[in-house]
Amino acid sequence: MAKTGARKVVKPVAATVGILGTMASIWWFALKPRRKAKSEGT
């Protein structure tokens, strides 16, 4: 396996995972209070 080829793939994948992780955490914390309020309201 060529290390240079692997590095070219790893960096974009790591960046994508980081962006998706950030988006997922923001989405999770944005929806969490809404779900709590909904369950308490009924």
PDB file of N, CA and C in Angstrom:
ATOM      1  N   MET A   1       0.843  -1.217   0.000  1.00  0.00           N
ATOM      2  CA  MET A   1       0.000   0.000   0.000  1.00  0.00           C
ATOM      3  C   MET A   1       0.873   1.261   0.000  1.00  0.00           C
ATOM      4  N   ALA A   2       0.489   2.219  -0.797  1.00  0.00           N
ATOM      5  CA  ALA A   2       1.240   3.474  -0.859  1.00  0.00           C
ATOM      6  C   ALA A   2       0.740   4.428   0.223  1.00  0.00           C
ATOM      7  N   LYS A   3       1.663   4.912   1.041  1.00  0.00           N
ATOM      8  CA  LYS A   3       1.269   5.814   2.131  1.00  0.00           C
ATOM      9  C   LYS A   3       0.746   7.150   1.603  1.00  0.00           C
ATOM     10  N   THR A   4       1.341   7.643   0.521  1.00  0.00           N
ATOM     11  CA  THR A   4       0.906   8.937  -0.024  1.00  0.00           C
ATOM     12  C   THR A   4      -0.534   8.850  -0.533  1.00  0.00           C
ATOM     13  N   GLY A   5      -0.895   7.748  -1.167  1.00  0.00           N
ATOM     14  CA  GLY A   5      -2.261   7.565  -1.670  1.00  0.00           C
ATOM     15  C   GLY A   5      -3.255   7.470  -0.524  1.00  0.00           C
ATOM     16  N   ALA A   6      -2.851   6.775   0.537  1.00  0.00           N
ATOM     17  CA  ALA A   6      -3.725   6.617   1.705  1.00  0.00           C
ATOM     18  C   ALA A   6      -3.970   7.967   2.378  1.00  0.00           C
ATOM     19  N   ARG A   7      -2.934   8.775   2.459  1.00  0.00           N
ATOM     20  CA  ARG A   7      -3.079  10.093   3.099  1.00  0.00           C
ATOM     21  C   ARG A   7      -4.047  10.974   2.328  1.00  0.00           C
ATOM     22  N   LYS A   8      -4.009  10.882   1.001  1.00  0.00           N
ATOM     23  CA  LYS A   8      -4.916  11.702   0.183  1.00  0.00           C
ATOM     24  C   LYS A   8      -6.376  11.349   0.456  1.00  0.00           C
ATOM     25  N   VAL A   9      -6.614  10.085   0.798  1.00  0.00           N
ATOM     26  CA  VAL A   9      -7.983   9.635   1.072  1.00  0.00           C
ATOM     27  C   VAL A   9      -8.380   9.939   2.519  1.00  0.00           C
ATOM     28  N   VAL A  10      -7.435   9.737   3.435  1.00  0.00           N
ATOM     29  CA  VAL A  10      -7.737   9.879   4.871  1.00  0.00           C
ATOM     30  C   VAL A  10      -8.132  11.308   5.233  1.00  0.00           C
ATOM     31  N   LYS A  11      -7.430  12.289   4.706  1.00  0.00           N
ATOM     32  CA  LYS A  11      -7.707  13.688   5.076  1.00  0.00           C
ATOM     33  C   LYS A  11      -9.144  14.130   4.740  1.00  0.00           C
ATOM     34  N   PRO A  12      -9.623  13.951   3.497  1.00  0.00           N
ATOM     35  CA  PRO A  12     -11.004  14.325   3.198  1.00  0.00           C
ATOM     36  C   PRO A  12     -12.035  13.535   4.001  1.00  0.00           C
ATOM     37  N   VAL A  13     -11.750  12.258   4.233  1.00  0.00           N
ATOM     38  CA  VAL A  13     -12.666  11.425   5.032  1.00  0.00           C
ATOM     39  C   VAL A  13     -12.723  11.954   6.458  1.00  0.00           C
ATOM     40  N   ALA A  14     -11.576  12.283   7.039  1.00  0.00           N
ATOM     41  CA  ALA A  14     -11.526  12.811   8.395  1.00  0.00           C
ATOM     42  C   ALA A  14     -12.262  14.153   8.475  1.00  0.00           C
ATOM     43  N   ALA A  15     -12.106  14.988   7.457  1.00  0.00           N
ATOM     44  CA  ALA A  15     -12.790  16.283   7.428  1.00  0.00           C
ATOM     45  C   ALA A  15     -14.300  16.085   7.334  1.00  0.00           C
ATOM     46  N   THR A  16     -14.721  15.127   6.501  1.00  0.00           N
ATOM     47  CA  THR A  16     -16.154  14.852   6.353  1.00  0.00           C
ATOM     48  C   THR A  16     -16.735  14.335   7.660  1.00  0.00           C
ATOM     49  N   VAL A  17     -16.025  13.424   8.299  1.00  0.00           N
ATOM     50  CA  VAL A  17     -16.487  12.880   9.582  1.00  0.00           C
ATOM     51  C   VAL A  17     -16.590  13.991  10.627  1.00  0.00           C
ATOM     52  N   GLY A  18     -15.619  14.891  10.639  1.00  0.00           N
ATOM     53  CA  GLY A  18     -15.647  15.996  11.598  1.00  0.00           C
ATOM     54  C   GLY A  18     -16.826  16.925  11.363  1.00  0.00           C
ATOM     55  N   ILE A  19     -17.091  17.240  10.086  1.00  0.00           N
ATOM     56  CA  ILE A  19     -18.217  18.117   9.748  1.00  0.00           C
ATOM     57  C   ILE A  19     -19.535  17.436  10.100  1.00  0.00           C
ATOM     58  N   LEU A  20     -19.669  16.160   9.723  1.00  0.00           N
ATOM     59  CA  LEU A  20     -20.904  15.423  10.029  1.00  0.00           C
ATOM     60  C   LEU A  20     -21.100  15.309  11.535  1.00  0.00           C
ATOM     61  N   GLY A  21     -20.028  15.090  12.271  1.00  0.00           N
ATOM     62  CA  GLY A  21     -20.119  14.996  13.724  1.00  0.00           C
ATOM     63  C   GLY A  21     -20.562  16.311  14.345  1.00  0.00           C
ATOM     64  N   THR A  22     -20.029  17.410  13.852  1.00  0.00           N
ATOM     65  CA  THR A  22     -20.416  18.730  14.346  1.00  0.00           C
ATOM     66  C   THR A  22     -21.886  19.004  14.043  1.00  0.00           C
ATOM     67  N   MET A  23     -22.297  18.706  12.801  1.00  0.00           N
ATOM     68  CA  MET A  23     -23.699  18.907  12.414  1.00  0.00           C
ATOM     69  C   MET A  23     -24.629  18.041  13.249  1.00  0.00           C
ATOM     70  N   ALA A  24     -24.228  16.795  13.485  1.00  0.00           N
ATOM     71  CA  ALA A  24     -25.063  15.873  14.258  1.00  0.00           C
ATOM     72  C   ALA A  24     -25.216  16.360  15.702  1.00  0.00           C
ATOM     73  N   SER A  25     -24.146  16.857  16.305  1.00  0.00           N
ATOM     74  CA  SER A  25     -24.222  17.330  17.692  1.00  0.00           C
ATOM     75  C   SER A  25     -25.079  18.585  17.791  1.00  0.00           C
ATOM     76  N   ILE A  26     -24.947  19.496  16.836  1.00  0.00           N
ATOM     77  CA  ILE A  26     -25.771  20.714  16.827  1.00  0.00           C
ATOM     78  C   ILE A  26     -27.241  20.330  16.661  1.00  0.00           C
ATOM     79  N   TRP A  27     -27.523  19.417  15.724  1.00  0.00           N
ATOM     80  CA  TRP A  27     -28.889  18.954  15.462  1.00  0.00           C
ATOM     81  C   TRP A  27     -29.458  18.273  16.690  1.00  0.00           C
ATOM     82  N   TRP A  28     -28.648  17.449  17.358  1.00  0.00           N
ATOM     83  CA  TRP A  28     -29.088  16.718  18.548  1.00  0.00           C
ATOM     84  C   TRP A  28     -29.462  17.685  19.670  1.00  0.00           C
ATOM     85  N   PHE A  29     -28.601  18.665  19.942  1.00  0.00           N
ATOM     86  CA  PHE A  29     -28.872  19.601  21.033  1.00  0.00           C
ATOM     87  C   PHE A  29     -29.997  20.571  20.680  1.00  0.00           C
ATOM     88  N   ALA A  30     -30.231  20.809  19.388  1.00  0.00           N
ATOM     89  CA  ALA A  30     -31.325  21.684  18.966  1.00  0.00           C
ATOM     90  C   ALA A  30     -32.675  20.977  19.124  1.00  0.00           C
ATOM     91  N   LEU A  31     -32.704  19.675  18.865  1.00  0.00           N
ATOM     92  CA  LEU A  31     -33.959  18.930  18.935  1.00  0.00           C
ATOM     93  C   LEU A  31     -34.273  18.422  20.342  1.00  0.00           C
ATOM     94  N   LYS A  32     -33.250  18.180  21.158  1.00  0.00           N
ATOM     95  CA  LYS A  32     -33.459  17.628  22.494  1.00  0.00           C
ATOM     96  C   LYS A  32     -34.464  18.427  23.336  1.00  0.00           C
ATOM     97  N   PRO A  33     -34.326  19.762  23.456  1.00  0.00           N
ATOM     98  CA  PRO A  33     -35.293  20.525  24.260  1.00  0.00           C
ATOM     99  C   PRO A  33     -36.711  20.443  23.694  1.00  0.00           C
ATOM    100  N   ARG A  34     -36.851  20.412  22.382  1.00  0.00           N
ATOM    101  CA  ARG A  34     -38.174  20.327  21.759  1.00  0.00           C
ATOM    102  C   ARG A  34     -38.865  19.023  22.128  1.00  0.00           C
ATOM    103  N   ARG A  35     -38.121  17.919  22.078  1.00  0.00           N
ATOM    104  CA  ARG A  35     -38.698  16.626  22.419  1.00  0.00           C
ATOM    105  C   ARG A  35     -39.143  16.607  23.883  1.00  0.00           C
ATOM    106  N   LYS A  36     -38.331  17.171  24.744  1.00  0.00           N
ATOM    107  CA  LYS A  36     -38.651  17.212  26.177  1.00  0.00           C
ATOM    108  C   LYS A  36     -39.928  18.011  26.403  1.00  0.00           C
ATOM    109  N   ALA A  37     -40.031  19.171  25.752  1.00  0.00           N
ATOM    110  CA  ALA A  37     -41.202  20.036  25.907  1.00  0.00           C
ATOM    111  C   ALA A  37     -42.449  19.329  25.389  1.00  0.00           C
ATOM    112  N   LYS A  38     -42.316  18.606  24.286  1.00  0.00           N
ATOM    113  CA  LYS A  38     -43.447  17.888  23.689  1.00  0.00           C
ATOM    114  C   LYS A  38     -43.981  16.826  24.651  1.00  0.00           C
ATOM    115  N   SER A  39     -43.091  16.029  25.232  1.00  0.00           N
ATOM    116  CA  SER A  39     -43.500  14.942  26.117  1.00  0.00           C
ATOM    117  C   SER A  39     -44.101  15.503  27.408  1.00  0.00           C
ATOM    118  N   GLU A  40     -43.604  16.637  27.881  1.00  0.00           N
ATOM    119  CA  GLU A  40     -44.143  17.251  29.088  1.00  0.00           C
ATOM    120  C   GLU A  40     -45.504  17.896  28.834  1.00  0.00           C
ATOM    121  N   GLY A  41     -45.714  18.383  27.628  1.00  0.00           N
ATOM    122  CA  GLY A  41     -46.965  19.079  27.297  1.00  0.00           C
ATOM    123  C   GLY A  41     -48.159  18.146  27.233  1.00  0.00           C
ATOM    124  N   THR A  42     -47.956  16.887  26.836  1.00  0.00           N
ATOM    125  CA  THR A  42     -49.086  15.973  26.679  1.00  0.00           C
ATOM    126  C   THR A  42     -49.504  15.367  27.990  1.00  0.00           C
TER     127      THR A  42
END
